[in-house]
Amino acid sequence: MVIAVQTLWGFGFAMSKVGLGPFPPMFLMGMRYGLAALVLVWFVRPPSGMMWKVFAAAVVSGAITYGLVYSGLRDLYASTATLLTQLQVPFLALLGVVLLKEKLSLRGMLGMAFAFGGVILITGEPRIQDNLVPVFIVMAGSLCWALGQIMIRQLGGGIGGMRLLAWIATFASPQLFIASFVLEEGQFAALTNAGWQELGVVLYLGLGMTALAYSMWYHVLARCEVNRVAPFLLLNPLAAILSSVLFLDEDLTLMITIGGVIIILGIGIMTISPATWRHKRITPAA
């Protein structure tokens, strides 16, 4: 199930390039979260007493994060963008040290150095150097994602994964639509002229990549320890890159390939340890 989740996420990230053809990025993300909210919100109760905190988390982890990441994706190869989004892991570790006073191990620092070194290699690629703005936009989105996870963690475990997802989607969708109409243009024309392929991408992002994949992900997290499933996140960029090469005819240059391998190696150093595979399965309470 966790492999299926990473495949759904990776394939969806690559296919987002098709949706970004006619649709402005924030408008596309607004439709994605709007569809997910329409499917999920009827089955969960409102987070009473925590609405404003969930709203704030939706601003950072939903609207700002995906507004930035997909705005950068529009001007990058999907394979390159998905490698840059892996900086979410070292950014999360850094924010954990700064905001939560957590300790960073030597292995974590080594992995972080590898990850950022891989990004430096990617930005040295000639076709990237011509326009570094989308690179920094995706990196900023990754940092916002990490900050959003800190905010979600501070909510505590009382809300529940599916309930949290439903209400973040409910709050994030109008935020993204408002931002789109303020900062973007051509939304109605794009919606009117979109073909079945583009509309299919919207349905996949909202229902497959968000509602279904996250439901499966939370199902897994309820039964297995986080540090057992975290290494499988490395399959996400692999699925996205393979999808980009096979379906979008993207080519990977030697420098981007080496940089990507170094980034994934760094993330692997941070998330995989010999103890990772020795934990027993968690049996959920009845």
Protein backbone atom coordinates (compact mmCIF):
# COMPACT_ATOMS: atom_id res chain seq x y z
CA MET A 1 0.00 0.00 0.00
CA VAL A 2 2.80 2.43 0.83
CA ILE A 3 4.46 1.69 -2.52
CA ALA A 4 1.14 2.43 -4.25
CA VAL A 5 0.94 5.77 -2.42
CA GLN A 6 4.40 6.82 -3.59
CA THR A 7 3.52 5.80 -7.14
CA LEU A 8 0.29 7.83 -7.06
CA TRP A 9 2.11 10.87 -5.72
CA GLY A 10 5.06 10.61 -8.11
CA PHE A 11 2.89 10.01 -11.19
CA GLY A 12 0.59 12.88 -10.17
CA PHE A 13 3.49 15.30 -9.78
CA ALA A 14 4.67 14.52 -13.31
CA MET A 15 1.16 14.67 -14.78
CA SER A 16 0.68 18.09 -13.17
CA LYS A 17 2.78 19.44 -16.04
CA VAL A 18 -0.11 18.57 -18.36
CA GLY A 19 -2.54 20.49 -16.15
CA LEU A 20 -0.18 23.46 -15.93
CA GLY A 21 -0.42 23.84 -19.71
CA PRO A 22 -3.87 25.47 -19.72
CA PHE A 23 -4.40 26.17 -16.00
CA PRO A 24 -2.60 28.76 -13.85
CA PRO A 25 -0.76 26.99 -10.99
CA MET A 26 -2.75 28.35 -8.04
CA PHE A 27 -6.04 27.83 -9.85
CA LEU A 28 -5.07 24.21 -10.58
CA MET A 29 -4.21 23.64 -6.91
CA GLY A 30 -7.46 25.28 -5.85
CA MET A 31 -9.38 22.77 -7.97
CA ARG A 32 -7.28 19.92 -6.59
CA TYR A 33 -8.02 20.76 -2.97
CA GLY A 34 -11.61 21.69 -3.76
CA LEU A 35 -12.30 18.23 -5.19
CA ALA A 36 -10.62 16.54 -2.23
CA ALA A 37 -12.66 18.64 0.21
CA LEU A 38 -15.94 17.83 -1.57
CA VAL A 39 -15.22 14.12 -1.22
CA LEU A 40 -13.90 14.06 2.36
CA VAL A 41 -15.43 16.86 4.43
CA TRP A 42 -18.86 15.18 4.76
CA PHE A 43 -17.39 12.26 6.70
CA VAL A 44 -15.51 14.14 9.44
CA ARG A 45 -16.49 16.53 12.19
CA PRO A 46 -15.14 20.11 12.32
CA PRO A 47 -12.06 20.46 14.57
CA SER A 48 -13.90 22.28 17.37
CA GLY A 49 -11.72 24.68 19.32
CA MET A 50 -8.87 24.37 16.79
CA MET A 51 -10.40 25.90 13.67
CA TRP A 52 -8.07 28.89 13.57
CA LYS A 53 -4.98 26.74 14.09
CA VAL A 54 -6.05 24.38 11.31
CA PHE A 55 -6.83 27.40 9.12
CA ALA A 56 -3.31 28.77 9.72
CA ALA A 57 -1.79 25.37 8.95
CA ALA A 58 -3.79 25.28 5.72
CA VAL A 59 -2.43 28.71 4.74
CA VAL A 60 1.18 27.56 5.13
CA SER A 61 1.11 23.84 4.28
CA GLY A 62 -1.59 24.13 1.62
CA ALA A 63 -2.03 27.47 -0.09
CA ILE A 64 1.48 28.94 0.16
CA THR A 65 3.37 25.66 -0.22
CA TYR A 66 1.58 24.36 -3.30
CA GLY A 67 1.17 27.82 -4.79
CA LEU A 68 4.95 28.16 -4.75
CA VAL A 69 5.88 24.59 -5.70
CA TYR A 70 3.55 24.43 -8.68
CA SER A 71 4.40 27.96 -9.82
CA GLY A 72 8.02 26.82 -9.97
CA LEU A 73 7.07 23.50 -11.59
CA ARG A 74 5.43 25.38 -14.47
CA ASP A 75 8.87 26.62 -15.62
CA LEU A 76 10.93 23.53 -14.75
CA TYR A 77 11.10 19.95 -15.91
CA ALA A 78 8.98 17.82 -13.59
CA SER A 79 11.97 15.53 -12.98
CA THR A 80 14.08 18.48 -11.82
CA ALA A 81 11.32 19.97 -9.66
CA THR A 82 10.62 16.69 -7.88
CA LEU A 83 14.28 16.39 -6.91
CA LEU A 84 14.24 19.92 -5.50
CA THR A 85 11.14 19.17 -3.42
CA GLN A 86 13.15 16.50 -1.57
CA LEU A 87 14.68 19.41 0.36
CA GLN A 88 11.52 19.19 2.46
CA VAL A 89 13.27 16.57 4.61
CA PRO A 90 16.42 18.57 5.57
CA PHE A 91 14.32 21.75 5.91
CA LEU A 92 12.03 19.89 8.33
CA ALA A 93 15.04 18.70 10.32
CA LEU A 94 16.46 22.23 10.48
CA LEU A 95 13.16 23.72 11.62
CA GLY A 96 12.87 20.97 14.21
CA VAL A 97 16.19 22.13 15.66
CA VAL A 98 15.33 25.85 15.51
CA LEU A 99 11.66 25.80 16.53
CA LEU A 100 11.25 22.59 18.55
CA LYS A 101 14.74 22.47 20.10
CA GLU A 102 15.30 18.97 18.72
CA LYS A 103 18.80 17.57 18.33
CA LEU A 104 20.33 16.80 14.94
CA SER A 105 22.59 13.77 14.83
CA LEU A 106 25.89 13.60 13.00
CA ARG A 107 24.23 11.28 10.47
CA GLY A 108 21.49 13.86 9.97
CA MET A 109 24.00 16.64 9.38
CA LEU A 110 25.90 14.47 6.89
CA GLY A 111 22.72 13.64 4.99
CA MET A 112 21.73 17.31 4.96
CA ALA A 113 25.12 18.26 3.51
CA PHE A 114 24.70 15.67 0.74
CA ALA A 115 21.17 16.93 -0.07
CA PHE A 116 22.17 20.58 -0.38
CA GLY A 117 25.32 19.59 -2.31
CA GLY A 118 23.11 17.81 -4.84
CA VAL A 119 21.01 20.96 -5.25
CA ILE A 120 24.15 22.99 -5.93
CA LEU A 121 25.05 20.55 -8.71
CA ILE A 122 21.57 20.84 -10.22
CA THR A 123 21.67 24.64 -10.21
CA GLY A 124 25.00 24.43 -12.06
CA GLU A 125 23.27 22.75 -15.02
CA PRO A 126 23.42 25.19 -17.99
CA ARG A 127 19.72 24.98 -18.80
CA ILE A 128 18.90 25.71 -15.14
CA GLN A 129 21.36 28.60 -14.85
CA ASP A 130 19.44 30.48 -17.54
CA ASN A 131 16.55 30.92 -15.09
CA LEU A 132 17.16 30.18 -11.42
CA VAL A 133 13.95 31.88 -10.26
CA PRO A 134 11.71 28.77 -10.50
CA VAL A 135 14.40 26.77 -8.66
CA PHE A 136 14.28 29.14 -5.70
CA ILE A 137 10.46 29.24 -5.85
CA VAL A 138 10.30 25.43 -5.51
CA MET A 139 12.87 25.54 -2.71
CA ALA A 140 10.82 28.21 -0.92
CA GLY A 141 7.75 26.01 -1.30
CA SER A 142 9.66 23.09 0.23
CA LEU A 143 10.63 25.27 3.19
CA CYS A 144 6.99 26.32 3.65
CA TRP A 145 5.92 22.67 3.54
CA ALA A 146 8.37 21.90 6.35
CA LEU A 147 7.09 24.85 8.39
CA GLY A 148 3.53 23.65 7.80
CA GLN A 149 4.43 20.20 9.15
CA ILE A 150 5.79 21.82 12.32
CA MET A 151 2.48 23.67 12.70
CA ILE A 152 0.53 20.45 12.13
CA ARG A 153 2.66 18.62 14.65
CA GLN A 154 1.95 21.31 17.24
CA LEU A 155 -1.77 20.66 16.79
CA GLY A 156 -1.27 17.36 18.58
CA GLY A 157 -2.82 14.03 17.70
CA GLY A 158 -6.38 14.81 18.75
CA ILE A 159 -7.69 15.73 15.30
CA GLY A 160 -6.82 12.59 13.36
CA GLY A 161 -5.21 12.29 9.93
CA MET A 162 -8.29 12.09 7.70
CA ARG A 163 -10.10 14.80 9.61
CA LEU A 164 -7.07 17.08 9.36
CA LEU A 165 -6.66 16.40 5.63
CA ALA A 166 -10.34 17.13 4.96
CA TRP A 167 -10.33 20.48 6.74
CA ILE A 168 -6.96 21.60 5.42
CA ALA A 169 -8.31 20.91 1.92
CA THR A 170 -11.53 22.77 2.77
CA PHE A 171 -9.60 25.82 3.96
CA ALA A 172 -6.80 25.69 1.37
CA SER A 173 -9.07 25.58 -1.69
CA PRO A 174 -10.69 29.04 -1.29
CA GLN A 175 -7.33 30.48 -0.24
CA LEU A 176 -5.78 29.26 -3.48
CA PHE A 177 -8.70 30.49 -5.58
CA ILE A 178 -8.48 33.97 -4.02
CA ALA A 179 -4.71 34.09 -4.54
CA SER A 180 -5.19 32.93 -8.12
CA PHE A 181 -7.70 35.66 -8.99
CA VAL A 182 -5.43 38.28 -7.39
CA LEU A 183 -2.11 37.13 -8.90
CA GLU A 184 -3.05 35.14 -12.01
CA GLU A 185 -5.27 35.54 -15.04
CA GLY A 186 -7.03 33.47 -17.69
CA GLN A 187 -8.75 31.06 -15.30
CA PHE A 188 -12.18 30.99 -16.97
CA ALA A 189 -10.71 30.78 -20.48
CA ALA A 190 -8.50 27.88 -19.37
CA LEU A 191 -11.46 26.06 -17.83
CA THR A 192 -13.63 26.62 -20.90
CA ASN A 193 -10.97 25.48 -23.37
CA ALA A 194 -9.66 22.54 -21.36
CA GLY A 195 -9.95 19.15 -23.02
CA TRP A 196 -10.65 15.76 -21.48
CA GLN A 197 -6.95 15.20 -20.87
CA GLU A 198 -6.54 18.37 -18.80
CA LEU A 199 -9.78 17.76 -16.89
CA GLY A 200 -8.67 14.18 -16.26
CA VAL A 201 -5.49 15.52 -14.68
CA VAL A 202 -7.57 17.74 -12.37
CA LEU A 203 -9.66 14.74 -11.31
CA TYR A 204 -6.54 12.66 -10.73
CA LEU A 205 -4.89 15.37 -8.60
CA GLY A 206 -7.98 15.89 -6.46
CA LEU A 207 -9.30 12.36 -6.12
CA GLY A 208 -6.31 10.08 -6.77
CA MET A 209 -3.27 12.01 -5.61
CA THR A 210 -4.96 13.72 -2.64
CA ALA A 211 -8.13 11.99 -1.39
CA LEU A 212 -7.19 8.36 -2.19
CA ALA A 213 -3.41 8.49 -1.72
CA TYR A 214 -3.52 10.38 1.55
CA SER A 215 -6.26 8.10 2.87
CA MET A 216 -4.02 5.11 2.17
CA TRP A 217 -1.02 6.91 3.64
CA TYR A 218 -2.78 7.64 6.92
CA HIS A 219 -4.03 4.03 6.99
CA VAL A 220 -0.41 2.86 6.83
CA LEU A 221 0.79 5.38 9.42
CA ALA A 222 -1.87 4.13 11.85
CA ARG A 223 -0.37 0.63 11.70
CA CYS A 224 3.37 1.08 11.25
CA GLU A 225 5.97 3.22 12.96
CA VAL A 226 6.89 6.38 11.06
CA ASN A 227 10.58 5.49 10.81
CA ARG A 228 9.65 2.20 9.09
CA VAL A 229 7.63 3.85 6.35
CA ALA A 230 9.72 7.04 5.94
CA PRO A 231 12.36 5.35 3.71
CA PHE A 232 9.63 4.49 1.20
CA LEU A 233 9.27 8.23 0.54
CA LEU A 234 12.40 7.85 -1.58
CA LEU A 235 10.22 6.04 -4.14
CA ASN A 236 8.29 9.28 -4.71
CA PRO A 237 10.98 11.08 -6.78
CA LEU A 238 11.78 7.81 -8.58
CA ALA A 239 8.14 7.44 -9.66
CA ALA A 240 7.96 11.09 -10.69
CA ILE A 241 11.18 10.93 -12.71
CA LEU A 242 10.20 7.70 -14.49
CA SER A 243 6.78 9.17 -15.30
CA SER A 244 8.39 12.37 -16.62
CA VAL A 245 10.76 10.46 -18.87
CA LEU A 246 8.19 7.92 -20.12
CA PHE A 247 5.12 10.14 -20.55
CA LEU A 248 6.48 13.68 -20.93
CA ASP A 249 9.59 12.82 -22.98
CA GLU A 250 11.83 14.73 -20.57
CA ASP A 251 15.55 14.10 -20.76
CA LEU A 252 17.89 13.89 -17.77
CA THR A 253 21.30 15.46 -18.24
CA LEU A 254 24.33 13.94 -16.55
CA MET A 255 24.68 16.82 -14.07
CA ILE A 256 21.02 16.70 -13.01
CA THR A 257 21.20 12.90 -12.71
CA ILE A 258 24.30 13.05 -10.49
CA GLY A 259 22.80 15.88 -8.43
CA GLY A 260 19.56 13.93 -8.02
CA VAL A 261 21.38 10.78 -6.92
CA ILE A 262 23.30 12.81 -4.32
CA ILE A 263 20.09 14.43 -3.03
CA ILE A 264 18.34 11.06 -2.67
CA LEU A 265 21.47 9.61 -1.05
CA GLY A 266 21.43 12.47 1.47
CA ILE A 267 17.76 11.93 2.26
CA GLY A 268 18.44 8.21 2.61
CA ILE A 269 21.24 8.88 5.10
CA MET A 270 18.86 11.04 7.14
CA THR A 271 15.90 8.63 7.14
CA ILE A 272 17.36 5.11 7.00
CA SER A 273 19.33 3.50 9.79
CA PRO A 274 19.93 -0.16 10.71
CA ALA A 275 17.33 0.20 13.48
CA THR A 276 14.70 1.26 10.94
CA TRP A 277 14.06 -2.30 9.82
CA ARG A 278 14.06 -3.88 13.29
CA HIS A 279 10.86 -2.27 14.61
CA LYS A 280 7.81 -4.42 15.03
CA ARG A 281 4.48 -3.75 13.42
CA ILE A 282 2.13 -1.62 15.51
CA THR A 283 -1.25 -3.16 16.22
CA PRO A 284 -3.86 -0.35 16.32
CA ALA A 285 -6.17 -0.17 19.32
CA ALA A 286 -9.61 -1.64 18.79
